[in-house]
């Protein structure tokens, strides 16, 4: 196998960081997804196998379908235990920043980390990092942060440390951030990595079952309502959007993670190349997720109109406004990008 390797200077910097320090805080973004949780758990397990002390600190909790991962119970949630989390940040020698490149993505945690003045170690695959990190592995060609953590482990000579639990966490990160290997996964190296993770003894079928087939009946009912009543198609732009209101969330006992995957559904409609999922929050806040096909830049659209960003075909953002106002902004954006949408 000929996997893409990190630069020699990066490898030496990583090794030196690990060797010289003993206590590591590992952080990831708010509303953590499979890549955020999986890469964090894998890195933490690796460092502990090297005799280091670690603590994973997340801004808030992850969806239930990720809580089976080994090590989840040890994760510290900043919104639940801010004092304990802050104490560990001050205690840590280095703070890892996984799967985000801007401290705004970790909300209130960012201000606490800034005050510590501790070295930051960024590992991320999102474009245009603005995090002022001392150490950095930033590679937009990677399908996930989990892929980068795998490459760090291998290139630094720690491949023998990859246990079944580490492999499960890395595999979870890869398959969730690629939508089950549907997008951002054309690089053959991704499948070479997956082959190595399978060799570590993971049960692929079990992992897929835990991640993709554990939702509630109410979530299925919510999907039906969204597809029937909350779906707006713009054939003149080859685009569409869906939305989830606060009432929908109350009616169907909406849980964290229940909207997972919904944003991808409009792309199954012939000719739709760009779509969005709007979620209403109290106090006139609207969050939005974007998906696109081909070369349409969902991340650029998100940044220009919704204070967001992300990847070429998968991005997100938010606006301090009502759903209706957010819809109007989206339509304005479609008109501005019409030439790219209608080829």
C-alpha atoms as a PDB file:
ATOM      1  CA  UNK A   1       0.000   0.000   0.000  1.00  0.00           C
ATOM      2  CA  UNK A   2       1.254   3.474  -0.812  1.00  0.00           C
ATOM      3  CA  UNK A   3      -0.583   5.838   1.494  1.00  0.00           C
ATOM      4  CA  UNK A   4      -0.049   9.558   1.307  1.00  0.00           C
ATOM      5  CA  UNK A   5       2.491  10.481   3.936  1.00  0.00           C
ATOM      6  CA  UNK A   6       2.812  13.559   6.093  1.00  0.00           C
ATOM      7  CA  UNK A   7       5.767  15.837   5.569  1.00  0.00           C
ATOM      8  CA  UNK A   8       8.895  14.763   7.432  1.00  0.00           C
ATOM      9  CA  UNK A   9       8.888  18.073   9.305  1.00  0.00           C
ATOM     10  CA  UNK A  10       5.292  17.465  10.410  1.00  0.00           C
ATOM     11  CA  UNK A  11       6.145  13.989  11.670  1.00  0.00           C
ATOM     12  CA  UNK A  12       9.112  15.222  13.673  1.00  0.00           C
ATOM     13  CA  UNK A  13       7.035  18.043  15.134  1.00  0.00           C
ATOM     14  CA  UNK A  14       4.283  15.631  16.181  1.00  0.00           C
ATOM     15  CA  UNK A  15       6.720  13.178  17.741  1.00  0.00           C
ATOM     16  CA  UNK A  16       8.504  15.954  19.593  1.00  0.00           C
ATOM     17  CA  UNK A  17       5.218  17.318  20.916  1.00  0.00           C
ATOM     18  CA  UNK A  18       4.145  13.916  22.214  1.00  0.00           C
ATOM     19  CA  UNK A  19       7.535  13.074  23.704  1.00  0.00           C
ATOM     20  CA  UNK A  20       8.024  16.410  25.461  1.00  0.00           C
ATOM     21  CA  UNK A  21       4.574  16.672  27.026  1.00  0.00           C
ATOM     22  CA  UNK A  22       2.546  14.502  29.370  1.00  0.00           C
ATOM     23  CA  UNK A  23      -0.962  15.970  29.677  1.00  0.00           C
ATOM     24  CA  UNK A  24      -3.171  16.533  26.629  1.00  0.00           C
ATOM     25  CA  UNK A  25      -6.646  18.036  26.323  1.00  0.00           C
ATOM     26  CA  UNK A  26      -8.483  16.919  23.185  1.00  0.00           C
ATOM     27  CA  UNK A  27     -11.261  19.160  21.893  1.00  0.00           C
ATOM     28  CA  UNK A  28     -13.669  19.067  18.996  1.00  0.00           C
ATOM     29  CA  UNK A  29     -16.475  21.235  17.622  1.00  0.00           C
ATOM     30  CA  UNK A  30     -19.950  21.909  19.006  1.00  0.00           C
ATOM     31  CA  UNK A  31     -22.690  19.433  18.081  1.00  0.00           C
ATOM     32  CA  UNK A  32     -20.010  16.797  17.450  1.00  0.00           C
ATOM     33  CA  UNK A  33     -20.557  14.311  14.639  1.00  0.00           C
ATOM     34  CA  UNK A  34     -19.041  10.900  14.002  1.00  0.00           C
ATOM     35  CA  UNK A  35     -15.751  12.263  12.699  1.00  0.00           C
ATOM     36  CA  UNK A  36     -15.352  14.624  15.653  1.00  0.00           C
ATOM     37  CA  UNK A  37     -16.066  11.923  18.240  1.00  0.00           C
ATOM     38  CA  UNK A  38     -14.286   9.098  16.438  1.00  0.00           C
ATOM     39  CA  UNK A  39     -11.050  10.981  15.746  1.00  0.00           C
ATOM     40  CA  UNK A  40     -10.977  12.322  19.315  1.00  0.00           C
ATOM     41  CA  UNK A  41     -11.466   8.888  20.892  1.00  0.00           C
ATOM     42  CA  UNK A  42      -8.842   7.329  18.611  1.00  0.00           C
ATOM     43  CA  UNK A  43      -6.231  10.000  19.403  1.00  0.00           C
ATOM     44  CA  UNK A  44      -6.963   9.796  23.116  1.00  0.00           C
ATOM     45  CA  UNK A  45      -6.578   6.004  23.138  1.00  0.00           C
ATOM     46  CA  UNK A  46      -3.291   6.255  21.240  1.00  0.00           C
ATOM     47  CA  UNK A  47      -1.840   8.823  23.641  1.00  0.00           C
ATOM     48  CA  UNK A  48      -2.899   6.781  26.668  1.00  0.00           C
ATOM     49  CA  UNK A  49      -1.194   3.718  25.169  1.00  0.00           C
ATOM     50  CA  UNK A  50       1.984   5.828  25.136  1.00  0.00           C
ATOM     51  CA  UNK A  51       1.614   6.556  28.851  1.00  0.00           C
ATOM     52  CA  UNK A  52       0.108  10.024  28.477  1.00  0.00           C
ATOM     53  CA  UNK A  53      -2.782  11.583  30.390  1.00  0.00           C
ATOM     54  CA  UNK A  54      -5.688  12.771  28.254  1.00  0.00           C
ATOM     55  CA  UNK A  55      -9.170  14.211  28.560  1.00  0.00           C
ATOM     56  CA  UNK A  56     -11.610  14.717  25.682  1.00  0.00           C
ATOM     57  CA  UNK A  57     -13.669  17.873  26.198  1.00  0.00           C
ATOM     58  CA  UNK A  58     -16.587  18.652  23.909  1.00  0.00           C
ATOM     59  CA  UNK A  59     -18.774  21.791  23.952  1.00  0.00           C
ATOM     60  CA  UNK A  60     -21.920  19.652  24.194  1.00  0.00           C
ATOM     61  CA  UNK A  61     -23.105  16.091  23.751  1.00  0.00           C
ATOM     62  CA  UNK A  62     -23.117  13.956  20.620  1.00  0.00           C
ATOM     63  CA  UNK A  63     -26.070  11.994  19.174  1.00  0.00           C
ATOM     64  CA  UNK A  64     -27.035   8.743  20.880  1.00  0.00           C
ATOM     65  CA  UNK A  65     -25.960   6.644  17.882  1.00  0.00           C
ATOM     66  CA  UNK A  66     -22.306   7.417  18.695  1.00  0.00           C
ATOM     67  CA  UNK A  67     -22.413   6.614  22.394  1.00  0.00           C
ATOM     68  CA  UNK A  68     -21.565   2.929  21.949  1.00  0.00           C
ATOM     69  CA  UNK A  69     -17.965   3.842  21.089  1.00  0.00           C
ATOM     70  CA  UNK A  70     -15.412   2.697  23.663  1.00  0.00           C
ATOM     71  CA  UNK A  71     -14.305   5.681  25.737  1.00  0.00           C
ATOM     72  CA  UNK A  72     -17.440   7.776  25.284  1.00  0.00           C
ATOM     73  CA  UNK A  73     -18.230   7.600  29.017  1.00  0.00           C
ATOM     74  CA  UNK A  74     -14.997   9.405  29.844  1.00  0.00           C
ATOM     75  CA  UNK A  75     -15.747  12.441  27.651  1.00  0.00           C
ATOM     76  CA  UNK A  76     -16.230  15.727  29.521  1.00  0.00           C
ATOM     77  CA  UNK A  77     -19.046  18.017  28.330  1.00  0.00           C
ATOM     78  CA  UNK A  78     -18.282  21.705  28.750  1.00  0.00           C
ATOM     79  CA  UNK A  79     -21.941  22.746  28.945  1.00  0.00           C
ATOM     80  CA  UNK A  80     -22.458  20.322  31.845  1.00  0.00           C
ATOM     81  CA  UNK A  81     -19.172  20.701  33.758  1.00  0.00           C
ATOM     82  CA  UNK A  82     -17.527  23.994  32.718  1.00  0.00           C
ATOM     83  CA  UNK A  83     -15.472  24.318  35.898  1.00  0.00           C
ATOM     84  CA  UNK A  84     -13.962  20.851  35.657  1.00  0.00           C
ATOM     85  CA  UNK A  85     -13.268  21.346  31.959  1.00  0.00           C
ATOM     86  CA  UNK A  86     -11.620  24.717  32.555  1.00  0.00           C
ATOM     87  CA  UNK A  87      -9.407  23.216  35.249  1.00  0.00           C
ATOM     88  CA  UNK A  88      -8.160  20.544  32.864  1.00  0.00           C
ATOM     89  CA  UNK A  89      -7.456  23.113  30.137  1.00  0.00           C
ATOM     90  CA  UNK A  90      -5.207  24.977  32.578  1.00  0.00           C
ATOM     91  CA  UNK A  91      -3.604  21.712  33.676  1.00  0.00           C
ATOM     92  CA  UNK A  92      -2.891  20.452  30.145  1.00  0.00           C
ATOM     93  CA  UNK A  93       0.475  20.895  28.443  1.00  0.00           C
ATOM     94  CA  UNK A  94      -1.063  20.927  24.944  1.00  0.00           C
ATOM     95  CA  UNK A  95      -4.611  21.335  23.656  1.00  0.00           C
ATOM     96  CA  UNK A  96      -5.555  19.373  20.532  1.00  0.00           C
ATOM     97  CA  UNK A  97      -8.142  20.935  18.186  1.00  0.00           C
ATOM     98  CA  UNK A  98      -9.737  18.180  16.118  1.00  0.00           C
ATOM     99  CA  UNK A  99     -12.121  18.576  13.181  1.00  0.00           C
ATOM    100  CA  UNK A 100     -12.388  22.368  13.402  1.00  0.00           C
ATOM    101  CA  UNK A 101     -10.123  25.242  12.409  1.00  0.00           C
ATOM    102  CA  UNK A 102     -11.726  28.215  14.135  1.00  0.00           C
ATOM    103  CA  UNK A 103     -12.216  28.587  17.898  1.00  0.00           C
ATOM    104  CA  UNK A 104     -15.685  29.989  17.201  1.00  0.00           C
ATOM    105  CA  UNK A 105     -16.715  26.416  16.340  1.00  0.00           C
ATOM    106  CA  UNK A 106     -16.321  25.435  20.006  1.00  0.00           C
ATOM    107  CA  UNK A 107     -18.405  28.363  21.290  1.00  0.00           C
ATOM    108  CA  UNK A 108     -17.750  29.357  24.944  1.00  0.00           C
ATOM    109  CA  UNK A 109     -14.873  26.895  25.201  1.00  0.00           C
ATOM    110  CA  UNK A 110     -12.848  29.047  22.817  1.00  0.00           C
ATOM    111  CA  UNK A 111     -12.585  31.950  25.242  1.00  0.00           C
ATOM    112  CA  UNK A 112     -11.460  29.619  28.035  1.00  0.00           C
ATOM    113  CA  UNK A 113      -8.780  28.061  25.846  1.00  0.00           C
ATOM    114  CA  UNK A 114      -7.516  31.473  24.746  1.00  0.00           C
ATOM    115  CA  UNK A 115      -7.015  32.474  28.374  1.00  0.00           C
ATOM    116  CA  UNK A 116      -4.837  29.440  29.104  1.00  0.00           C
ATOM    117  CA  UNK A 117      -2.182  30.517  26.551  1.00  0.00           C
ATOM    118  CA  UNK A 118      -1.421  26.817  26.053  1.00  0.00           C
ATOM    119  CA  UNK A 119       0.013  25.507  22.757  1.00  0.00           C
ATOM    120  CA  UNK A 120      -2.688  24.406  20.320  1.00  0.00           C
ATOM    121  CA  UNK A 121      -2.291  21.410  18.015  1.00  0.00           C
ATOM    122  CA  UNK A 122      -4.690  21.570  15.056  1.00  0.00           C
ATOM    123  CA  UNK A 123      -5.672  18.390  13.170  1.00  0.00           C
ATOM    124  CA  UNK A 124      -8.344  19.175  10.599  1.00  0.00           C
ATOM    125  CA  UNK A 125      -9.461  18.773   6.979  1.00  0.00           C
ATOM    126  CA  UNK A 126     -11.553  21.939   6.527  1.00  0.00           C
ATOM    127  CA  UNK A 127     -10.259  24.716   4.235  1.00  0.00           C
ATOM    128  CA  UNK A 128      -8.849  28.083   5.297  1.00  0.00           C
ATOM    129  CA  UNK A 129      -7.757  27.493   8.914  1.00  0.00           C
ATOM    130  CA  UNK A 130      -7.767  30.639  11.044  1.00  0.00           C
ATOM    131  CA  UNK A 131      -6.946  28.968  14.348  1.00  0.00           C
ATOM    132  CA  UNK A 132      -3.630  30.313  15.682  1.00  0.00           C
ATOM    133  CA  UNK A 133      -2.093  26.883  16.338  1.00  0.00           C
ATOM    134  CA  UNK A 134       1.468  26.121  17.402  1.00  0.00           C
ATOM    135  CA  UNK A 135       1.342  22.757  15.631  1.00  0.00           C
ATOM    136  CA  UNK A 136      -0.807  22.035  12.605  1.00  0.00           C
ATOM    137  CA  UNK A 137      -1.837  19.147  10.348  1.00  0.00           C
ATOM    138  CA  UNK A 138      -4.330  20.705   7.926  1.00  0.00           C
ATOM    139  CA  UNK A 139      -5.121  18.725   4.791  1.00  0.00           C
ATOM    140  CA  UNK A 140      -8.268  19.467   2.796  1.00  0.00           C
ATOM    141  CA  UNK A 141      -7.755  16.453   0.524  1.00  0.00           C
ATOM    142  CA  UNK A 142      -8.422  14.125   3.486  1.00  0.00           C
ATOM    143  CA  UNK A 143     -11.930  12.682   3.601  1.00  0.00           C
ATOM    144  CA  UNK A 144     -12.103  13.163   7.363  1.00  0.00           C
ATOM    145  CA  UNK A 145     -10.129  14.127  10.432  1.00  0.00           C
ATOM    146  CA  UNK A 146     -10.167  10.430  11.312  1.00  0.00           C
ATOM    147  CA  UNK A 147      -8.143   9.782   8.159  1.00  0.00           C
ATOM    148  CA  UNK A 148      -5.589  12.349   9.298  1.00  0.00           C
ATOM    149  CA  UNK A 149      -5.355  10.784  12.762  1.00  0.00           C
ATOM    150  CA  UNK A 150      -4.761   7.409  11.112  1.00  0.00           C
ATOM    151  CA  UNK A 151      -1.997   8.865   8.962  1.00  0.00           C
ATOM    152  CA  UNK A 152      -0.403  10.489  12.011  1.00  0.00           C
ATOM    153  CA  UNK A 153      -0.437   7.172  13.861  1.00  0.00           C
ATOM    154  CA  UNK A 154       1.131   5.291  10.933  1.00  0.00           C
ATOM    155  CA  UNK A 155       3.649   7.917   9.839  1.00  0.00           C
ATOM    156  CA  UNK A 156       4.891   8.398  13.388  1.00  0.00           C
ATOM    157  CA  UNK A 157       5.556   4.669  13.697  1.00  0.00           C
ATOM    158  CA  UNK A 158       2.686   3.836  16.059  1.00  0.00           C
ATOM    159  CA  UNK A 159       0.727   1.505  13.755  1.00  0.00           C
ATOM    160  CA  UNK A 160       1.229  -1.406  16.163  1.00  0.00           C
ATOM    161  CA  UNK A 161      -0.770   0.609  18.732  1.00  0.00           C
ATOM    162  CA  UNK A 162      -3.949   0.442  16.641  1.00  0.00           C
ATOM    163  CA  UNK A 163      -6.310  -1.696  18.713  1.00  0.00           C
ATOM    164  CA  UNK A 164      -9.783  -2.829  17.699  1.00  0.00           C
ATOM    165  CA  UNK A 165     -11.234   0.082  19.702  1.00  0.00           C
ATOM    166  CA  UNK A 166      -9.028   2.651  17.940  1.00  0.00           C
ATOM    167  CA  UNK A 167      -9.901   1.125  14.569  1.00  0.00           C
ATOM    168  CA  UNK A 168     -13.634   1.270  15.386  1.00  0.00           C
ATOM    169  CA  UNK A 169     -13.377   4.961  16.259  1.00  0.00           C
ATOM    170  CA  UNK A 170     -11.418   5.771  13.089  1.00  0.00           C
ATOM    171  CA  UNK A 171     -13.783   3.769  10.869  1.00  0.00           C
ATOM    172  CA  UNK A 172     -16.751   5.571  12.440  1.00  0.00           C
ATOM    173  CA  UNK A 173     -15.164   8.915  11.641  1.00  0.00           C
ATOM    174  CA  UNK A 174     -14.510   7.985   8.024  1.00  0.00           C
ATOM    175  CA  UNK A 175     -17.900   6.493   7.170  1.00  0.00           C
ATOM    176  CA  UNK A 176     -19.916   9.244   8.850  1.00  0.00           C
ATOM    177  CA  UNK A 177     -18.013  12.140   7.300  1.00  0.00           C
ATOM    178  CA  UNK A 178     -18.290  10.588   3.832  1.00  0.00           C
ATOM    179  CA  UNK A 179     -21.979   9.735   4.203  1.00  0.00           C
ATOM    180  CA  UNK A 180     -21.227   6.013   4.091  1.00  0.00           C
ATOM    181  CA  UNK A 181     -18.480   6.537   1.470  1.00  0.00           C
ATOM    182  CA  UNK A 182     -20.881   8.395  -0.830  1.00  0.00           C
ATOM    183  CA  UNK A 183     -19.040  11.738  -1.032  1.00  0.00           C
ATOM    184  CA  UNK A 184     -15.460  12.991  -0.670  1.00  0.00           C
ATOM    185  CA  UNK A 185     -14.193   9.430  -0.903  1.00  0.00           C
ATOM    186  CA  UNK A 186     -12.835   8.890  -4.424  1.00  0.00           C
ATOM    187  CA  UNK A 187      -9.210   8.658  -3.257  1.00  0.00           C
ATOM    188  CA  UNK A 188      -8.121   4.980  -3.337  1.00  0.00           C
ATOM    189  CA  UNK A 189      -6.119   5.591  -0.166  1.00  0.00           C
ATOM    190  CA  UNK A 190      -9.355   5.868   1.823  1.00  0.00           C
ATOM    191  CA  UNK A 191     -10.178   2.271   0.965  1.00  0.00           C
ATOM    192  CA  UNK A 192      -6.634   1.147   1.726  1.00  0.00           C
ATOM    193  CA  UNK A 193      -7.047   2.658   5.187  1.00  0.00           C
ATOM    194  CA  UNK A 194     -10.403   0.938   5.616  1.00  0.00           C
ATOM    195  CA  UNK A 195      -8.771  -2.382   4.680  1.00  0.00           C
ATOM    196  CA  UNK A 196      -6.179  -1.861   7.424  1.00  0.00           C
ATOM    197  CA  UNK A 197      -8.908  -1.012   9.953  1.00  0.00           C
ATOM    198  CA  UNK A 198     -10.823  -4.163   9.013  1.00  0.00           C
ATOM    199  CA  UNK A 199      -7.617  -6.107   9.595  1.00  0.00           C
ATOM    200  CA  UNK A 200      -7.612  -4.763  13.164  1.00  0.00           C
ATOM    201  CA  UNK A 201     -10.708  -6.845  13.839  1.00  0.00           C
ATOM    202  CA  UNK A 202     -13.568  -4.367  13.614  1.00  0.00           C
ATOM    203  CA  UNK A 203     -17.086  -5.619  12.893  1.00  0.00           C
ATOM    204  CA  UNK A 204     -18.146  -3.428   9.974  1.00  0.00           C
ATOM    205  CA  UNK A 205     -21.741  -4.650   9.979  1.00  0.00           C
ATOM    206  CA  UNK A 206     -22.131  -3.968  13.702  1.00  0.00           C
ATOM    207  CA  UNK A 207     -20.780  -0.422  13.322  1.00  0.00           C
ATOM    208  CA  UNK A 208     -23.132   0.367  10.431  1.00  0.00           C
ATOM    209  CA  UNK A 209     -26.051  -1.012  12.413  1.00  0.00           C
ATOM    210  CA  UNK A 210     -25.217   1.177  15.420  1.00  0.00           C
ATOM    211  CA  UNK A 211     -24.836   4.334  13.342  1.00  0.00           C
ATOM    212  CA  UNK A 212     -27.454   4.075  10.611  1.00  0.00           C
ATOM    213  CA  UNK A 213     -30.220   1.825  11.979  1.00  0.00           C
ATOM    214  CA  UNK A 214     -30.948   2.945  15.521  1.00  0.00           C
ATOM    215  CA  UNK A 215     -33.348   5.847  15.037  1.00  0.00           C
ATOM    216  CA  UNK A 216     -36.781   6.106  16.630  1.00  0.00           C
ATOM    217  CA  UNK A 217     -40.141   5.591  14.929  1.00  0.00           C
ATOM    218  CA  UNK A 218     -40.878   9.260  15.645  1.00  0.00           C
ATOM    219  CA  UNK A 219     -37.835  10.230  13.601  1.00  0.00           C
ATOM    220  CA  UNK A 220     -39.254   8.287  10.646  1.00  0.00           C
ATOM    221  CA  UNK A 221     -42.554  10.124  11.075  1.00  0.00           C
ATOM    222  CA  UNK A 222     -40.677  13.437  11.129  1.00  0.00           C
ATOM    223  CA  UNK A 223     -38.974  12.507   7.863  1.00  0.00           C
ATOM    224  CA  UNK A 224     -42.389  11.851   6.331  1.00  0.00           C
ATOM    225  CA  UNK A 225     -43.705  15.260   7.356  1.00  0.00           C
ATOM    226  CA  UNK A 226     -40.575  17.043   6.147  1.00  0.00           C
ATOM    227  CA  UNK A 227     -40.695  15.316   2.753  1.00  0.00           C
ATOM    228  CA  UNK A 228     -44.450  15.825   2.328  1.00  0.00           C
ATOM    229  CA  UNK A 229     -45.038  19.299   3.769  1.00  0.00           C
ATOM    230  CA  UNK A 230     -41.648  20.981   4.260  1.00  0.00           C
ATOM    231  CA  UNK A 231     -39.988  20.389   0.884  1.00  0.00           C
ATOM    232  CA  UNK A 232     -39.616  23.245  -1.600  1.00  0.00           C
ATOM    233  CA  UNK A 233     -38.297  22.523  -5.111  1.00  0.00           C
ATOM    234  CA  UNK A 234     -36.862  25.171  -7.454  1.00  0.00           C
ATOM    235  CA  UNK A 235     -36.569  23.479 -10.876  1.00  0.00           C
ATOM    236  CA  UNK A 236     -35.436  26.778 -12.399  1.00  0.00           C
ATOM    237  CA  UNK A 237     -32.327  26.629 -10.173  1.00  0.00           C
ATOM    238  CA  UNK A 238     -31.880  22.830  -9.951  1.00  0.00           C
ATOM    239  CA  UNK A 239     -32.136  23.319  -6.204  1.00  0.00           C
ATOM    240  CA  UNK A 240     -34.371  22.603  -3.224  1.00  0.00           C
ATOM    241  CA  UNK A 241     -34.678  23.109   0.497  1.00  0.00           C
ATOM    242  CA  UNK A 242     -36.377  21.385   3.405  1.00  0.00           C
ATOM    243  CA  UNK A 243     -37.056  22.677   6.893  1.00  0.00           C
ATOM    244  CA  UNK A 244     -37.774  21.551  10.446  1.00  0.00           C
ATOM    245  CA  UNK A 245     -39.789  23.894  12.641  1.00  0.00           C
ATOM    246  CA  UNK A 246     -39.825  24.108  16.421  1.00  0.00           C
ATOM    247  CA  UNK A 247     -43.346  22.654  16.284  1.00  0.00           C
ATOM    248  CA  UNK A 248     -42.108  19.687  14.250  1.00  0.00           C
ATOM    249  CA  UNK A 249     -39.454  19.057  16.878  1.00  0.00           C
ATOM    250  CA  UNK A 250     -42.010  19.130  19.680  1.00  0.00           C
ATOM    251  CA  UNK A 251     -44.545  16.985  17.813  1.00  0.00           C
ATOM    252  CA  UNK A 252     -42.039  14.223  17.105  1.00  0.00           C
ATOM    253  CA  UNK A 253     -39.910  14.344  20.261  1.00  0.00           C
ATOM    254  CA  UNK A 254     -36.889  15.573  18.304  1.00  0.00           C
ATOM    255  CA  UNK A 255     -33.572  14.314  19.683  1.00  0.00           C
ATOM    256  CA  UNK A 256     -30.004  15.312  18.954  1.00  0.00           C
ATOM    257  CA  UNK A 257     -29.034  13.558  15.736  1.00  0.00           C
ATOM    258  CA  UNK A 258     -32.564  13.035  14.412  1.00  0.00           C
ATOM    259  CA  UNK A 259     -31.883  15.275  11.411  1.00  0.00           C
ATOM    260  CA  UNK A 260     -28.770  13.264  10.490  1.00  0.00           C
ATOM    261  CA  UNK A 261     -28.796  12.445   6.783  1.00  0.00           C
ATOM    262  CA  UNK A 262     -32.003  14.320   5.943  1.00  0.00           C
ATOM    263  CA  UNK A 263     -30.178  17.046   4.055  1.00  0.00           C
ATOM    264  CA  UNK A 264     -28.938  14.505   1.503  1.00  0.00           C
ATOM    265  CA  UNK A 265     -32.402  13.357   0.434  1.00  0.00           C
ATOM    266  CA  UNK A 266     -33.190  16.089  -2.135  1.00  0.00           C
ATOM    267  CA  UNK A 267     -30.052  15.162  -4.081  1.00  0.00           C
ATOM    268  CA  UNK A 268     -31.775  11.895  -5.030  1.00  0.00           C
ATOM    269  CA  UNK A 269     -34.203  13.918  -7.182  1.00  0.00           C
ATOM    270  CA  UNK A 270     -33.217  14.112 -10.833  1.00  0.00           C
ATOM    271  CA  UNK A 271     -31.483  17.396 -11.755  1.00  0.00           C
ATOM    272  CA  UNK A 272     -31.172  18.723  -8.187  1.00  0.00           C
ATOM    273  CA  UNK A 273     -27.530  19.650  -7.659  1.00  0.00           C
ATOM    274  CA  UNK A 274     -27.810  21.838  -4.551  1.00  0.00           C
ATOM    275  CA  UNK A 275     -30.022  21.651  -1.481  1.00  0.00           C
ATOM    276  CA  UNK A 276     -30.389  22.874   2.075  1.00  0.00           C
ATOM    277  CA  UNK A 277     -31.970  21.809   5.340  1.00  0.00           C
ATOM    278  CA  UNK A 278     -33.131  24.627   7.632  1.00  0.00           C
ATOM    279  CA  UNK A 279     -33.696  23.984  11.327  1.00  0.00           C
ATOM    280  CA  UNK A 280     -35.588  26.507  13.434  1.00  0.00           C
ATOM    281  CA  UNK A 281     -34.366  27.318  16.949  1.00  0.00           C
ATOM    282  CA  UNK A 282     -35.902  29.506  19.663  1.00  0.00           C
ATOM    283  CA  UNK A 283     -35.093  33.224  19.810  1.00  0.00           C
ATOM    284  CA  UNK A 284     -35.107  33.645  16.017  1.00  0.00           C
ATOM    285  CA  UNK A 285     -32.052  31.557  15.167  1.00  0.00           C
ATOM    286  CA  UNK A 286     -31.953  29.390  12.047  1.00  0.00           C
ATOM    287  CA  UNK A 287     -29.266  26.813  11.344  1.00  0.00           C
ATOM    288  CA  UNK A 288     -28.771  25.423   7.866  1.00  0.00           C
ATOM    289  CA  UNK A 289     -26.920  22.513   6.293  1.00  0.00           C
ATOM    290  CA  UNK A 290     -25.992  22.422   2.597  1.00  0.00           C
ATOM    291  CA  UNK A 291     -25.190  19.603   0.191  1.00  0.00           C
ATOM    292  CA  UNK A 292     -24.237  19.753  -3.470  1.00  0.00           C
ATOM    293  CA  UNK A 293     -23.155  17.595  -6.370  1.00  0.00           C
ATOM    294  CA  UNK A 294     -20.201  18.011  -8.674  1.00  0.00           C
ATOM    295  CA  UNK A 295     -18.316  21.281  -8.591  1.00  0.00           C
ATOM    296  CA  UNK A 296     -20.962  23.516  -7.032  1.00  0.00           C
ATOM    297  CA  UNK A 297     -19.274  25.168  -3.998  1.00  0.00           C
ATOM    298  CA  UNK A 298     -21.641  24.669  -1.081  1.00  0.00           C
ATOM    299  CA  UNK A 299     -18.964  26.050   1.257  1.00  0.00           C
ATOM    300  CA  UNK A 300     -18.603  29.305  -0.678  1.00  0.00           C
ATOM    301  CA  UNK A 301     -22.380  29.741  -0.765  1.00  0.00           C
ATOM    302  CA  UNK A 302     -22.574  29.084   2.987  1.00  0.00           C
ATOM    303  CA  UNK A 303     -19.858  31.615   3.731  1.00  0.00           C
ATOM    304  CA  UNK A 304     -21.321  34.346   1.522  1.00  0.00           C
ATOM    305  CA  UNK A 305     -24.924  34.118   2.684  1.00  0.00           C
ATOM    306  CA  UNK A 306     -25.034  32.254   6.015  1.00  0.00           C
ATOM    307  CA  UNK A 307     -21.846  33.124   7.942  1.00  0.00           C
ATOM    308  CA  UNK A 308     -20.733  29.540   7.476  1.00  0.00           C
ATOM    309  CA  UNK A 309     -18.336  27.316   5.604  1.00  0.00           C
ATOM    310  CA  UNK A 310     -17.249  23.731   5.226  1.00  0.00           C
ATOM    311  CA  UNK A 311     -16.364  21.497   2.289  1.00  0.00           C
ATOM    312  CA  UNK A 312     -17.072  21.810  -1.418  1.00  0.00           C
ATOM    313  CA  UNK A 313     -20.112  19.519  -1.295  1.00  0.00           C
ATOM    314  CA  UNK A 314     -21.028  19.668   2.403  1.00  0.00           C
ATOM    315  CA  UNK A 315     -21.272  22.871   4.413  1.00  0.00           C
ATOM    316  CA  UNK A 316     -23.318  24.701   7.013  1.00  0.00           C
ATOM    317  CA  UNK A 317     -24.100  28.049   8.563  1.00  0.00           C
ATOM    318  CA  UNK A 318     -26.555  29.990  10.687  1.00  0.00           C
ATOM    319  CA  UNK A 319     -28.374  33.328  10.768  1.00  0.00           C
ATOM    320  CA  UNK A 320     -29.987  35.284  13.623  1.00  0.00           C
ATOM    321  CA  UNK A 321     -33.360  35.373  11.876  1.00  0.00           C
ATOM    322  CA  UNK A 322     -36.636  33.550  11.382  1.00  0.00           C
ATOM    323  CA  UNK A 323     -37.119  30.620   9.040  1.00  0.00           C
ATOM    324  CA  UNK A 324     -38.960  32.768   6.524  1.00  0.00           C
ATOM    325  CA  UNK A 325     -36.158  35.327   6.476  1.00  0.00           C
ATOM    326  CA  UNK A 326     -33.593  32.549   6.026  1.00  0.00           C
ATOM    327  CA  UNK A 327     -35.588  31.133   3.103  1.00  0.00           C
ATOM    328  CA  UNK A 328     -35.513  34.557   1.437  1.00  0.00           C
ATOM    329  CA  UNK A 329     -31.728  34.735   1.823  1.00  0.00           C
ATOM    330  CA  UNK A 330     -31.415  31.263   0.285  1.00  0.00           C
ATOM    331  CA  UNK A 331     -33.501  32.217  -2.752  1.00  0.00           C
ATOM    332  CA  UNK A 332     -31.450  35.398  -3.147  1.00  0.00           C
ATOM    333  CA  UNK A 333     -28.343  33.241  -3.160  1.00  0.00           C
ATOM    334  CA  UNK A 334     -29.792  30.883  -5.751  1.00  0.00           C
ATOM    335  CA  UNK A 335     -30.409  33.799  -8.077  1.00  0.00           C
ATOM    336  CA  UNK A 336     -26.845  35.034  -7.572  1.00  0.00           C
ATOM    337  CA  UNK A 337     -25.445  31.567  -8.375  1.00  0.00           C
ATOM    338  CA  UNK A 338     -27.929  30.681 -11.117  1.00  0.00           C
ATOM    339  CA  UNK A 339     -25.300  30.450 -13.851  1.00  0.00           C
ATOM    340  CA  UNK A 340     -23.386  27.843 -11.827  1.00  0.00           C
ATOM    341  CA  UNK A 341     -26.524  25.893 -10.929  1.00  0.00           C
ATOM    342  CA  UNK A 342     -28.083  25.791 -14.388  1.00  0.00           C
ATOM    343  CA  UNK A 343     -25.435  24.710 -16.844  1.00  0.00           C
END
